[in-house]
Amino acid sequence: MPRQSITLTEPNENWLRNRVANQEFANKSEVVNDLIRRERLREEETERIRTALIEGESSGTSELSIDEIWAQARKG
């Protein structure tokens, strides 16, 4: 596994140290890897939402009334 050297601000260092001290993680590397993993998942979800919005905008407008749209949504 590649090793990295990073410089942290004091508040960030304290936050990392506390995660390990509270036994949430075994070491700082696990904390950092978890943060990166979560951010990657968040970015993927944001991209899925963005794609769905673009697709929806590209599909045009509906001739249905609001009540008809709600009725279809309730049907599933």
PDB file of N, CA and C in Angstrom:
ATOM      1  N   MET A   1       0.848  -1.162   0.000  1.00  0.00           N
ATOM      2  CA  MET A   1       0.000   0.000   0.000  1.00  0.00           C
ATOM      3  C   MET A   1       0.903   1.238   0.000  1.00  0.00           C
ATOM      4  N   PRO A   2       0.603   2.220  -0.854  1.00  0.00           N
ATOM      5  CA  PRO A   2       1.451   3.419  -0.902  1.00  0.00           C
ATOM      6  C   PRO A   2       1.388   4.209   0.399  1.00  0.00           C
ATOM      7  N   ARG A   3       2.513   4.778   0.773  1.00  0.00           N
ATOM      8  CA  ARG A   3       2.571   5.616   1.974  1.00  0.00           C
ATOM      9  C   ARG A   3       2.600   7.068   1.544  1.00  0.00           C
ATOM     10  N   GLN A   4       1.983   7.917   2.350  1.00  0.00           N
ATOM     11  CA  GLN A   4       1.937   9.345   2.077  1.00  0.00           C
ATOM     12  C   GLN A   4       2.345  10.099   3.333  1.00  0.00           C
ATOM     13  N   SER A   5       2.890  11.262   3.109  1.00  0.00           N
ATOM     14  CA  SER A   5       3.201  12.152   4.219  1.00  0.00           C
ATOM     15  C   SER A   5       2.380  13.410   4.013  1.00  0.00           C
ATOM     16  N   ILE A   6       1.604  13.778   5.016  1.00  0.00           N
ATOM     17  CA  ILE A   6       0.775  14.979   4.900  1.00  0.00           C
ATOM     18  C   ILE A   6       0.990  15.864   6.119  1.00  0.00           C
ATOM     19  N   THR A   7       0.732  17.150   5.938  1.00  0.00           N
ATOM     20  CA  THR A   7       0.824  18.109   7.026  1.00  0.00           C
ATOM     21  C   THR A   7      -0.591  18.523   7.393  1.00  0.00           C
ATOM     22  N   LEU A   8      -0.898  18.479   8.682  1.00  0.00           N
ATOM     23  CA  LEU A   8      -2.236  18.804   9.162  1.00  0.00           C
ATOM     24  C   LEU A   8      -2.193  20.044  10.037  1.00  0.00           C
ATOM     25  N   THR A   9      -3.289  20.749  10.043  1.00  0.00           N
ATOM     26  CA  THR A   9      -3.420  21.842  11.005  1.00  0.00           C
ATOM     27  C   THR A   9      -3.586  21.220  12.384  1.00  0.00           C
ATOM     28  N   GLU A  10      -3.322  21.993  13.397  1.00  0.00           N
ATOM     29  CA  GLU A  10      -3.448  21.478  14.766  1.00  0.00           C
ATOM     30  C   GLU A  10      -4.867  20.972  15.063  1.00  0.00           C
ATOM     31  N   PRO A  11      -5.926  21.717  14.691  1.00  0.00           N
ATOM     32  CA  PRO A  11      -7.278  21.202  14.957  1.00  0.00           C
ATOM     33  C   PRO A  11      -7.553  19.870  14.249  1.00  0.00           C
ATOM     34  N   ASN A  12      -7.058  19.731  13.024  1.00  0.00           N
ATOM     35  CA  ASN A  12      -7.271  18.467  12.308  1.00  0.00           C
ATOM     36  C   ASN A  12      -6.480  17.324  12.942  1.00  0.00           C
ATOM     37  N   GLU A  13      -5.272  17.614  13.359  1.00  0.00           N
ATOM     38  CA  GLU A  13      -4.460  16.598  14.051  1.00  0.00           C
ATOM     39  C   GLU A  13      -5.150  16.154  15.334  1.00  0.00           C
ATOM     40  N   ASN A  14      -5.661  17.107  16.094  1.00  0.00           N
ATOM     41  CA  ASN A  14      -6.372  16.771  17.339  1.00  0.00           C
ATOM     42  C   ASN A  14      -7.613  15.932  17.052  1.00  0.00           C
ATOM     43  N   TRP A  15      -8.338  16.285  16.004  1.00  0.00           N
ATOM     44  CA  TRP A  15      -9.547  15.541  15.640  1.00  0.00           C
ATOM     45  C   TRP A  15      -9.191  14.093  15.292  1.00  0.00           C
ATOM     46  N   LEU A  16      -8.150  13.915  14.472  1.00  0.00           N
ATOM     47  CA  LEU A  16      -7.709  12.560  14.107  1.00  0.00           C
ATOM     48  C   LEU A  16      -7.284  11.783  15.355  1.00  0.00           C
ATOM     49  N   ARG A  17      -6.484  12.412  16.177  1.00  0.00           N
ATOM     50  CA  ARG A  17      -5.986  11.762  17.387  1.00  0.00           C
ATOM     51  C   ARG A  17      -7.152  11.321  18.275  1.00  0.00           C
ATOM     52  N   ASN A  18      -8.176  12.171  18.380  1.00  0.00           N
ATOM     53  CA  ASN A  18      -9.341  11.819  19.201  1.00  0.00           C
ATOM     54  C   ASN A  18     -10.116  10.634  18.645  1.00  0.00           C
ATOM     55  N   ARG A  19     -10.207  10.517  17.318  1.00  0.00           N
ATOM     56  CA  ARG A  19     -10.905   9.373  16.725  1.00  0.00           C
ATOM     57  C   ARG A  19     -10.211   8.068  17.130  1.00  0.00           C
ATOM     58  N   VAL A  20      -8.884   8.102  17.155  1.00  0.00           N
ATOM     59  CA  VAL A  20      -8.117   6.912  17.530  1.00  0.00           C
ATOM     60  C   VAL A  20      -8.212   6.697  19.041  1.00  0.00           C
ATOM     61  N   ALA A  21      -8.099   7.769  19.810  1.00  0.00           N
ATOM     62  CA  ALA A  21      -8.158   7.653  21.275  1.00  0.00           C
ATOM     63  C   ALA A  21      -9.507   7.121  21.734  1.00  0.00           C
ATOM     64  N   ASN A  22     -10.574   7.489  21.025  1.00  0.00           N
ATOM     65  CA  ASN A  22     -11.915   7.000  21.365  1.00  0.00           C
ATOM     66  C   ASN A  22     -12.183   5.594  20.847  1.00  0.00           C
ATOM     67  N   GLN A  23     -11.159   4.992  20.257  1.00  0.00           N
ATOM     68  CA  GLN A  23     -11.205   3.635  19.719  1.00  0.00           C
ATOM     69  C   GLN A  23     -12.237   3.480  18.607  1.00  0.00           C
ATOM     70  N   GLU A  24     -12.533   4.585  17.915  1.00  0.00           N
ATOM     71  CA  GLU A  24     -13.382   4.501  16.725  1.00  0.00           C
ATOM     72  C   GLU A  24     -12.597   3.869  15.583  1.00  0.00           C
ATOM     73  N   PHE A  25     -11.286   4.087  15.587  1.00  0.00           N
ATOM     74  CA  PHE A  25     -10.388   3.561  14.570  1.00  0.00           C
ATOM     75  C   PHE A  25      -9.110   3.092  15.258  1.00  0.00           C
ATOM     76  N   ALA A  26      -8.403   2.183  14.616  1.00  0.00           N
ATOM     77  CA  ALA A  26      -7.166   1.653  15.201  1.00  0.00           C
ATOM     78  C   ALA A  26      -5.999   2.630  15.060  1.00  0.00           C
ATOM     79  N   ASN A  27      -6.018   3.431  13.985  1.00  0.00           N
ATOM     80  CA  ASN A  27      -4.929   4.375  13.765  1.00  0.00           C
ATOM     81  C   ASN A  27      -5.393   5.504  12.848  1.00  0.00           C
ATOM     82  N   LYS A  28      -4.545   6.506  12.697  1.00  0.00           N
ATOM     83  CA  LYS A  28      -4.895   7.680  11.890  1.00  0.00           C
ATOM     84  C   LYS A  28      -5.109   7.323  10.420  1.00  0.00           C
ATOM     85  N   SER A  29      -4.352   6.361   9.918  1.00  0.00           N
ATOM     86  CA  SER A  29      -4.504   5.967   8.520  1.00  0.00           C
ATOM     87  C   SER A  29      -5.909   5.445   8.245  1.00  0.00           C
ATOM     88  N   GLU A  30      -6.450   4.694   9.184  1.00  0.00           N
ATOM     89  CA  GLU A  30      -7.823   4.193   9.008  1.00  0.00           C
ATOM     90  C   GLU A  30      -8.820   5.341   8.961  1.00  0.00           C
ATOM     91  N   VAL A  31      -8.592   6.361   9.781  1.00  0.00           N
ATOM     92  CA  VAL A  31      -9.484   7.524   9.785  1.00  0.00           C
ATOM     93  C   VAL A  31      -9.433   8.212   8.427  1.00  0.00           C
ATOM     94  N   VAL A  32      -8.237   8.475   7.946  1.00  0.00           N
ATOM     95  CA  VAL A  32      -8.078   9.171   6.672  1.00  0.00           C
ATOM     96  C   VAL A  32      -8.668   8.340   5.535  1.00  0.00           C
ATOM     97  N   ASN A  33      -8.418   7.046   5.513  1.00  0.00           N
ATOM     98  CA  ASN A  33      -8.979   6.196   4.468  1.00  0.00           C
ATOM     99  C   ASN A  33     -10.506   6.190   4.523  1.00  0.00           C
ATOM    100  N   ASP A  34     -11.075   6.188   5.723  1.00  0.00           N
ATOM    101  CA  ASP A  34     -12.525   6.231   5.852  1.00  0.00           C
ATOM    102  C   ASP A  34     -13.079   7.545   5.316  1.00  0.00           C
ATOM    103  N   LEU A  35     -12.429   8.651   5.631  1.00  0.00           N
ATOM    104  CA  LEU A  35     -12.868   9.960   5.127  1.00  0.00           C
ATOM    105  C   LEU A  35     -12.827  10.005   3.605  1.00  0.00           C
ATOM    106  N   ILE A  36     -11.756   9.493   3.025  1.00  0.00           N
ATOM    107  CA  ILE A  36     -11.634   9.477   1.565  1.00  0.00           C
ATOM    108  C   ILE A  36     -12.707   8.584   0.953  1.00  0.00           C
ATOM    109  N   ARG A  37     -12.920   7.414   1.538  1.00  0.00           N
ATOM    110  CA  ARG A  37     -13.939   6.484   1.043  1.00  0.00           C
ATOM    111  C   ARG A  37     -15.321   7.142   1.060  1.00  0.00           C
ATOM    112  N   ARG A  38     -15.642   7.825   2.164  1.00  0.00           N
ATOM    113  CA  ARG A  38     -16.942   8.499   2.280  1.00  0.00           C
ATOM    114  C   ARG A  38     -17.080   9.610   1.242  1.00  0.00           C
ATOM    115  N   GLU A  39     -16.013  10.357   1.034  1.00  0.00           N
ATOM    116  CA  GLU A  39     -16.056  11.444   0.045  1.00  0.00           C
ATOM    117  C   GLU A  39     -16.241  10.888  -1.362  1.00  0.00           C
ATOM    118  N   ARG A  40     -15.575   9.786  -1.664  1.00  0.00           N
ATOM    119  CA  ARG A  40     -15.742   9.168  -2.980  1.00  0.00           C
ATOM    120  C   ARG A  40     -17.185   8.735  -3.179  1.00  0.00           C
ATOM    121  N   LEU A  41     -17.791   8.130  -2.165  1.00  0.00           N
ATOM    122  CA  LEU A  41     -19.195   7.720  -2.264  1.00  0.00           C
ATOM    123  C   LEU A  41     -20.112   8.928  -2.425  1.00  0.00           C
ATOM    124  N   ARG A  42     -19.811  10.002  -1.706  1.00  0.00           N
ATOM    125  CA  ARG A  42     -20.618  11.221  -1.814  1.00  0.00           C
ATOM    126  C   ARG A  42     -20.521  11.802  -3.219  1.00  0.00           C
ATOM    127  N   GLU A  43     -19.330  11.811  -3.783  1.00  0.00           N
ATOM    128  CA  GLU A  43     -19.149  12.303  -5.146  1.00  0.00           C
ATOM    129  C   GLU A  43     -19.903  11.440  -6.154  1.00  0.00           C
ATOM    130  N   GLU A  44     -19.866  10.120  -5.969  1.00  0.00           N
ATOM    131  CA  GLU A  44     -20.590   9.222  -6.863  1.00  0.00           C
ATOM    132  C   GLU A  44     -22.090   9.476  -6.792  1.00  0.00           C
ATOM    133  N   GLU A  45     -22.610   9.661  -5.588  1.00  0.00           N
ATOM    134  CA  GLU A  45     -24.036   9.928  -5.412  1.00  0.00           C
ATOM    135  C   GLU A  45     -24.407  11.279  -6.027  1.00  0.00           C
ATOM    136  N   THR A  46     -23.568  12.278  -5.843  1.00  0.00           N
ATOM    137  CA  THR A  46     -23.804  13.586  -6.446  1.00  0.00           C
ATOM    138  C   THR A  46     -23.849  13.474  -7.964  1.00  0.00           C
ATOM    139  N   GLU A  47     -22.959  12.692  -8.523  1.00  0.00           N
ATOM    140  CA  GLU A  47     -22.940  12.510  -9.977  1.00  0.00           C
ATOM    141  C   GLU A  47     -24.186  11.773 -10.458  1.00  0.00           C
ATOM    142  N   ARG A  48     -24.659  10.772  -9.698  1.00  0.00           N
ATOM    143  CA  ARG A  48     -25.894  10.071 -10.075  1.00  0.00           C
ATOM    144  C   ARG A  48     -27.078  11.042 -10.069  1.00  0.00           C
ATOM    145  N   ILE A  49     -27.138  11.888  -9.057  1.00  0.00           N
ATOM    146  CA  ILE A  49     -28.223  12.869  -8.966  1.00  0.00           C
ATOM    147  C   ILE A  49     -28.125  13.865 -10.117  1.00  0.00           C
ATOM    148  N   ARG A  50     -26.927  14.348 -10.385  1.00  0.00           N
ATOM    149  CA  ARG A  50     -26.721  15.298 -11.481  1.00  0.00           C
ATOM    150  C   ARG A  50     -27.163  14.688 -12.809  1.00  0.00           C
ATOM    151  N   THR A  51     -26.792  13.448 -13.055  1.00  0.00           N
ATOM    152  CA  THR A  51     -27.171  12.760 -14.289  1.00  0.00           C
ATOM    153  C   THR A  51     -28.687  12.623 -14.385  1.00  0.00           C
ATOM    154  N   ALA A  52     -29.337  12.261 -13.271  1.00  0.00           N
ATOM    155  CA  ALA A  52     -30.792  12.125 -13.268  1.00  0.00           C
ATOM    156  C   ALA A  52     -31.471  13.465 -13.528  1.00  0.00           C
ATOM    157  N   LEU A  53     -30.940  14.532 -12.961  1.00  0.00           N
ATOM    158  CA  LEU A  53     -31.513  15.861 -13.195  1.00  0.00           C
ATOM    159  C   LEU A  53     -31.373  16.282 -14.654  1.00  0.00           C
ATOM    160  N   ILE A  54     -30.221  16.050 -15.217  1.00  0.00           N
ATOM    161  CA  ILE A  54     -30.004  16.380 -16.634  1.00  0.00           C
ATOM    162  C   ILE A  54     -30.951  15.568 -17.504  1.00  0.00           C
ATOM    163  N   GLU A  55     -31.081  14.275 -17.209  1.00  0.00           N
ATOM    164  CA  GLU A  55     -31.990  13.415 -17.961  1.00  0.00           C
ATOM    165  C   GLU A  55     -33.432  13.922 -17.840  1.00  0.00           C
ATOM    166  N   GLY A  56     -33.822  14.307 -16.630  1.00  0.00           N
ATOM    167  CA  GLY A  56     -35.169  14.824 -16.426  1.00  0.00           C
ATOM    168  C   GLY A  56     -35.407  16.113 -17.179  1.00  0.00           C
ATOM    169  N   GLU A  57     -34.443  17.010 -17.138  1.00  0.00           N
ATOM    170  CA  GLU A  57     -34.577  18.278 -17.857  1.00  0.00           C
ATOM    171  C   GLU A  57     -34.633  18.057 -19.367  1.00  0.00           C
ATOM    172  N   SER A  58     -33.904  17.063 -19.836  1.00  0.00           N
ATOM    173  CA  SER A  58     -33.856  16.782 -21.267  1.00  0.00           C
ATOM    174  C   SER A  58     -35.116  16.083 -21.772  1.00  0.00           C
ATOM    175  N   SER A  59     -35.891  15.526 -20.867  1.00  0.00           N
ATOM    176  CA  SER A  59     -37.058  14.744 -21.293  1.00  0.00           C
ATOM    177  C   SER A  59     -38.237  15.628 -21.707  1.00  0.00           C
ATOM    178  N   GLY A  60     -38.139  16.916 -21.447  1.00  0.00           N
ATOM    179  CA  GLY A  60     -39.203  17.828 -21.864  1.00  0.00           C
ATOM    180  C   GLY A  60     -40.228  18.027 -20.767  1.00  0.00           C
ATOM    181  N   THR A  61     -41.303  18.707 -21.135  1.00  0.00           N
ATOM    182  CA  THR A  61     -42.353  19.002 -20.167  1.00  0.00           C
ATOM    183  C   THR A  61     -43.503  18.018 -20.314  1.00  0.00           C
ATOM    184  N   SER A  62     -44.297  17.917 -19.276  1.00  0.00           N
ATOM    185  CA  SER A  62     -45.424  16.993 -19.257  1.00  0.00           C
ATOM    186  C   SER A  62     -46.717  17.752 -19.550  1.00  0.00           C
ATOM    187  N   GLU A  63     -47.637  17.065 -20.173  1.00  0.00           N
ATOM    188  CA  GLU A  63     -48.962  17.634 -20.430  1.00  0.00           C
ATOM    189  C   GLU A  63     -49.921  17.275 -19.294  1.00  0.00           C
ATOM    190  N   LEU A  64     -49.442  16.486 -18.328  1.00  0.00           N
ATOM    191  CA  LEU A  64     -50.289  16.060 -17.213  1.00  0.00           C
ATOM    192  C   LEU A  64     -50.463  17.192 -16.205  1.00  0.00           C
ATOM    193  N   SER A  65     -51.584  17.176 -15.518  1.00  0.00           N
ATOM    194  CA  SER A  65     -51.802  18.133 -14.439  1.00  0.00           C
ATOM    195  C   SER A  65     -51.051  17.662 -13.198  1.00  0.00           C
ATOM    196  N   ILE A  66     -50.930  18.531 -12.221  1.00  0.00           N
ATOM    197  CA  ILE A  66     -50.281  18.162 -10.965  1.00  0.00           C
ATOM    198  C   ILE A  66     -51.005  16.973 -10.330  1.00  0.00           C
ATOM    199  N   ASP A  67     -52.318  17.001 -10.327  1.00  0.00           N
ATOM    200  CA  ASP A  67     -53.092  15.906  -9.736  1.00  0.00           C
ATOM    201  C   ASP A  67     -52.839  14.592 -10.459  1.00  0.00           C
ATOM    202  N   GLU A  68     -52.728  14.646 -11.769  1.00  0.00           N
ATOM    203  CA  GLU A  68     -52.446  13.418 -12.546  1.00  0.00           C
ATOM    204  C   GLU A  68     -51.045  12.893 -12.257  1.00  0.00           C
ATOM    205  N   ILE A  69     -50.108  13.798 -12.103  1.00  0.00           N
ATOM    206  CA  ILE A  69     -48.735  13.379 -11.778  1.00  0.00           C
ATOM    207  C   ILE A  69     -48.709  12.722 -10.398  1.00  0.00           C
ATOM    208  N   TRP A  70     -49.386  13.326  -9.412  1.00  0.00           N
ATOM    209  CA  TRP A  70     -49.448  12.742  -8.074  1.00  0.00           C
ATOM    210  C   TRP A  70     -50.132  11.385  -8.113  1.00  0.00           C
ATOM    211  N   ALA A  71     -51.187  11.253  -8.885  1.00  0.00           N
ATOM    212  CA  ALA A  71     -51.904   9.981  -8.978  1.00  0.00           C
ATOM    213  C   ALA A  71     -50.989   8.898  -9.535  1.00  0.00           C
ATOM    214  N   GLN A  72     -50.216   9.232 -10.555  1.00  0.00           N
ATOM    215  CA  GLN A  72     -49.268   8.253 -11.114  1.00  0.00           C
ATOM    216  C   GLN A  72     -48.187   7.890 -10.096  1.00  0.00           C
ATOM    217  N   ALA A  73     -47.719   8.877  -9.364  1.00  0.00           N
ATOM    218  CA  ALA A  73     -46.668   8.623  -8.365  1.00  0.00           C
ATOM    219  C   ALA A  73     -47.189   7.702  -7.272  1.00  0.00           C
ATOM    220  N   ARG A  74     -48.434   7.888  -6.866  1.00  0.00           N
ATOM    221  CA  ARG A  74     -48.997   7.040  -5.810  1.00  0.00           C
ATOM    222  C   ARG A  74     -49.167   5.600  -6.270  1.00  0.00           C
ATOM    223  N   LYS A  75     -49.403   5.406  -7.574  1.00  0.00           N
ATOM    224  CA  LYS A  75     -49.557   4.053  -8.122  1.00  0.00           C
ATOM    225  C   LYS A  75     -48.226   3.297  -8.097  1.00  0.00           C
ATOM    226  N   GLY A  76     -47.157   4.032  -8.104  1.00  0.00           N
ATOM    227  CA  GLY A  76     -45.880   3.356  -7.961  1.00  0.00           C
ATOM    228  C   GLY A  76     -44.985   3.444  -9.117  1.00  0.00           C
TER     229      GLY A  76
END
